[in-house]
Structures are given as structure tokens and as C-alpha cells.
C-alpha atoms as a PDB file:
ATOM      1  CA  MET A   1      20.779 -39.403 -53.795  1.00  0.00           C
ATOM      2  CA  ARG A   2      18.225 -42.142 -53.121  1.00  0.00           C
ATOM      3  CA  ASN A   3      17.584 -40.691 -49.644  1.00  0.00           C
ATOM      4  CA  ILE A   4      16.886 -37.235 -51.079  1.00  0.00           C
ATOM      5  CA  ILE A   5      14.384 -38.629 -53.574  1.00  0.00           C
ATOM      6  CA  SER A   6      12.658 -40.705 -50.882  1.00  0.00           C
ATOM      7  CA  ALA A   7      12.484 -37.736 -48.528  1.00  0.00           C
ATOM      8  CA  SER A   8      11.031 -35.541 -51.294  1.00  0.00           C
ATOM      9  CA  LEU A   9       8.347 -38.110 -52.109  1.00  0.00           C
ATOM     10  CA  ILE A  10       7.378 -38.501 -48.447  1.00  0.00           C
ATOM     11  CA  ALA A  11       7.241 -34.725 -47.978  1.00  0.00           C
ATOM     12  CA  GLY A  12       5.009 -34.381 -51.052  1.00  0.00           C
ATOM     13  CA  VAL A  13       2.591 -37.017 -49.808  1.00  0.00           C
ATOM     14  CA  LEU A  14       2.440 -35.458 -46.339  1.00  0.00           C
ATOM     15  CA  CYS A  15       1.744 -32.013 -47.798  1.00  0.00           C
ATOM     16  CA  ALA A  16      -1.160 -33.361 -49.878  1.00  0.00           C
ATOM     17  CA  MET A  17      -2.865 -35.237 -47.008  1.00  0.00           C
ATOM     18  CA  PRO A  18      -4.779 -32.229 -45.555  1.00  0.00           C
ATOM     19  CA  TYR A  19      -6.401 -31.600 -48.936  1.00  0.00           C
ATOM     20  CA  ALA A  20      -7.596 -35.191 -49.141  1.00  0.00           C
ATOM     21  CA  ALA A  21      -9.031 -34.953 -45.619  1.00  0.00           C
ATOM     22  CA  GLN A  22     -10.940 -31.763 -46.480  1.00  0.00           C
ATOM     23  CA  ALA A  23     -12.637 -33.474 -49.395  1.00  0.00           C
ATOM     24  CA  ALA A  24     -14.328 -35.988 -47.066  1.00  0.00           C
ATOM     25  CA  ASP A  25     -17.570 -34.068 -46.380  1.00  0.00           C
ATOM     26  CA  ASP A  26     -20.443 -36.003 -44.863  1.00  0.00           C
ATOM     27  CA  ASN A  27     -23.499 -36.846 -46.953  1.00  0.00           C
ATOM     28  CA  ALA A  28     -27.044 -37.309 -45.651  1.00  0.00           C
ATOM     29  CA  SER A  29     -26.624 -41.060 -46.111  1.00  0.00           C
ATOM     30  CA  ASP A  30     -23.527 -40.934 -43.869  1.00  0.00           C
ATOM     31  CA  CYS A  31     -25.548 -39.598 -40.920  1.00  0.00           C
ATOM     32  CA  LYS A  32     -27.058 -41.891 -38.300  1.00  0.00           C
ATOM     33  CA  HIS A  33     -30.857 -42.095 -38.241  1.00  0.00           C
ATOM     34  CA  ASN A  34     -31.019 -39.694 -35.271  1.00  0.00           C
ATOM     35  CA  ALA A  35     -28.628 -37.124 -36.768  1.00  0.00           C
ATOM     36  CA  ILE A  36     -29.088 -34.166 -39.080  1.00  0.00           C
ATOM     37  CA  LEU A  37     -26.825 -32.980 -41.868  1.00  0.00           C
ATOM     38  CA  ALA A  38     -25.888 -29.311 -41.642  1.00  0.00           C
ATOM     39  CA  LYS A  39     -23.760 -27.105 -43.835  1.00  0.00           C
ATOM     40  CA  SER A  40     -21.345 -24.813 -42.051  1.00  0.00           C
ATOM     41  CA  MET A  41     -19.285 -22.628 -44.352  1.00  0.00           C
ATOM     42  CA  ASP A  42     -18.347 -25.016 -47.194  1.00  0.00           C
ATOM     43  CA  HIS A  43     -18.357 -28.149 -45.042  1.00  0.00           C
ATOM     44  CA  HIS A  44     -21.168 -30.634 -44.365  1.00  0.00           C
ATOM     45  CA  THR A  45     -21.332 -32.285 -40.936  1.00  0.00           C
ATOM     46  CA  CYS A  46     -23.718 -34.694 -39.205  1.00  0.00           C
ATOM     47  CA  TYR A  47     -24.971 -33.520 -35.797  1.00  0.00           C
ATOM     48  CA  THR A  48     -26.784 -35.391 -33.047  1.00  0.00           C
ATOM     49  CA  SER A  49     -27.449 -34.855 -29.333  1.00  0.00           C
ATOM     50  CA  GLY A  50     -24.231 -34.483 -27.375  1.00  0.00           C
ATOM     51  CA  ASP A  51     -22.346 -32.942 -30.306  1.00  0.00           C
ATOM     52  CA  LYS A  52     -21.069 -29.386 -30.180  1.00  0.00           C
ATOM     53  CA  ALA A  53     -23.085 -27.047 -32.391  1.00  0.00           C
ATOM     54  CA  PRO A  54     -21.383 -24.258 -34.331  1.00  0.00           C
ATOM     55  CA  ASP A  55     -20.812 -21.263 -32.029  1.00  0.00           C
ATOM     56  CA  GLN A  56     -23.198 -19.029 -33.986  1.00  0.00           C
ATOM     57  CA  TYR A  57     -26.099 -21.014 -32.505  1.00  0.00           C
ATOM     58  CA  THR A  58     -25.182 -20.043 -28.928  1.00  0.00           C
ATOM     59  CA  ARG A  59     -25.739 -16.349 -29.653  1.00  0.00           C
ATOM     60  CA  GLU A  60     -28.918 -14.717 -28.404  1.00  0.00           C
ATOM     61  CA  GLU A  61     -29.822 -13.399 -31.862  1.00  0.00           C
ATOM     62  CA  SER A  62     -30.065 -17.013 -33.104  1.00  0.00           C
ATOM     63  CA  ALA A  63     -32.615 -17.972 -30.437  1.00  0.00           C
ATOM     64  CA  ILE A  64     -36.217 -18.757 -31.347  1.00  0.00           C
ATOM     65  CA  LYS A  65     -38.198 -16.334 -29.187  1.00  0.00           C
ATOM     66  CA  ASN A  66     -41.650 -17.809 -29.930  1.00  0.00           C
ATOM     67  CA  TRP A  67     -40.745 -21.411 -29.028  1.00  0.00           C
ATOM     68  CA  LYS A  68     -44.122 -21.931 -27.329  1.00  0.00           C
ATOM     69  CA  ALA A  69     -46.058 -21.016 -30.500  1.00  0.00           C
ATOM     70  CA  LYS A  70     -43.986 -23.580 -32.391  1.00  0.00           C
ATOM     71  CA  GLY A  71     -44.970 -26.309 -29.907  1.00  0.00           C
ATOM     72  CA  LEU A  72     -41.501 -26.599 -28.386  1.00  0.00           C
ATOM     73  CA  PRO A  73     -40.930 -27.232 -24.670  1.00  0.00           C
ATOM     74  CA  GLN A  74     -39.545 -24.397 -22.593  1.00  0.00           C
ATOM     75  CA  PRO A  75     -35.739 -24.331 -22.687  1.00  0.00           C
ATOM     76  CA  SER A  76     -33.790 -24.242 -19.423  1.00  0.00           C
ATOM     77  CA  ASP A  77     -32.198 -20.962 -18.359  1.00  0.00           C
ATOM     78  CA  ASP A  78     -28.879 -21.843 -20.021  1.00  0.00           C
ATOM     79  CA  SER A  79     -30.346 -23.280 -23.259  1.00  0.00           C
ATOM     80  CA  GLN A  80     -32.148 -21.951 -26.295  1.00  0.00           C
ATOM     81  CA  TRP A  81     -34.029 -23.276 -29.301  1.00  0.00           C
ATOM     82  CA  VAL A  82     -32.512 -22.439 -32.680  1.00  0.00           C
ATOM     83  CA  GLN A  83     -33.384 -23.445 -36.196  1.00  0.00           C
ATOM     84  CA  PHE A  84     -30.768 -24.909 -38.461  1.00  0.00           C
ATOM     85  CA  SER A  85     -30.708 -27.414 -41.257  1.00  0.00           C
ATOM     86  CA  GLY A  86     -34.500 -27.534 -41.325  1.00  0.00           C
ATOM     87  CA  HIS A  87     -34.806 -28.648 -37.688  1.00  0.00           C
ATOM     88  CA  TYR A  88     -35.347 -27.151 -34.254  1.00  0.00           C
ATOM     89  CA  VAL A  89     -32.270 -27.715 -32.120  1.00  0.00           C
ATOM     90  CA  LEU A  90     -31.982 -27.135 -28.369  1.00  0.00           C
ATOM     91  CA  VAL A  91     -28.485 -25.812 -27.721  1.00  0.00           C
ATOM     92  CA  ASN A  92     -26.762 -25.160 -24.401  1.00  0.00           C
ATOM     93  CA  ARG A  93     -25.548 -21.546 -24.586  1.00  0.00           C
ATOM     94  CA  THR A  94     -22.647 -22.153 -22.209  1.00  0.00           C
ATOM     95  CA  ASN A  95     -20.890 -25.033 -23.959  1.00  0.00           C
ATOM     96  CA  ALA A  96     -22.743 -25.245 -27.333  1.00  0.00           C
ATOM     97  CA  VAL A  97     -23.718 -28.887 -26.733  1.00  0.00           C
ATOM     98  CA  ILE A  98     -26.830 -30.028 -28.589  1.00  0.00           C
ATOM     99  CA  GLU A  99     -29.401 -31.238 -26.062  1.00  0.00           C
ATOM    100  CA  GLN A 100     -32.254 -32.164 -28.405  1.00  0.00           C
ATOM    101  CA  ILE A 101     -33.192 -32.140 -32.096  1.00  0.00           C
ATOM    102  CA  ARG A 102     -36.769 -31.952 -33.385  1.00  0.00           C
ATOM    103  CA  THR A 103     -38.344 -31.838 -36.819  1.00  0.00           C
ATOM    104  CA  LEU A 104     -40.237 -28.699 -37.821  1.00  0.00           C
ATOM    105  CA  LYS A 105     -43.412 -30.659 -37.014  1.00  0.00           C
ATOM    106  CA  GLY A 106     -42.148 -31.234 -33.464  1.00  0.00           C
ATOM    107  CA  ALA A 107     -41.159 -34.900 -33.584  1.00  0.00           C
ATOM    108  CA  VAL A 108     -38.077 -35.690 -31.528  1.00  0.00           C
ATOM    109  CA  VAL A 109     -35.165 -36.815 -33.718  1.00  0.00           C
ATOM    110  CA  SER A 110     -32.482 -37.033 -31.023  1.00  0.00           C
ATOM    111  CA  GLN A 111     -32.168 -36.301 -27.302  1.00  0.00           C
END
């Protein structure tokens, strides 16, 4: 009987663990100084250069076409500038890796 109760308690704790993990969203204060906080769906995540951006930012319709007018350097053939979380982000279209992050005024945050 004791084994059944112990097993039930362990199973209950294990079932509740994913919900506790989901509640651990990042806050702006959790981000490093060269990272930005972005909301994707109902989840907040810190991003910096080298991180994988959400796939939506690799799509051509997300690309900033007038990057030159915004004072951004020309992206390579396999990259594009996108705007998310109040920043300009250079994203590799092939693997979604963030190559550079800039403020809307053009200052480099992370590269």
C-alpha cells in the first residue's frame, strides 16, 4: 500500500513539472545587456546574436525592403533585416540565426 501511495505522489509531481517550467518566462531584467526581450505567442524570450530567431522572421514578407533608408548595412544574399521587439535584427534566412541586433536609431546592440 505504501508503494502505491509513493508512486502516486511521484507521478503527480512529475505531471505538474511541465506547468511550472512554462511559468518561467524571461523578463527584461533577465536579459543580458546585449540581448533583447521578445514576445512570441504567449512566451517571452531573450535573444542575442547567435540565437535562433522565430521562423516567421526568415520569411521574405518579414524582410525590411528599405534597409538603406533606415541606415542599415546591406544584408548578405542569405540574410535579411527584420523588425521585432522594437529593434532591427539581421537574420540568416537559411538557418534563422541572428547575426546582428540594432536599435531603431541604428546603434549596434549585439553582433
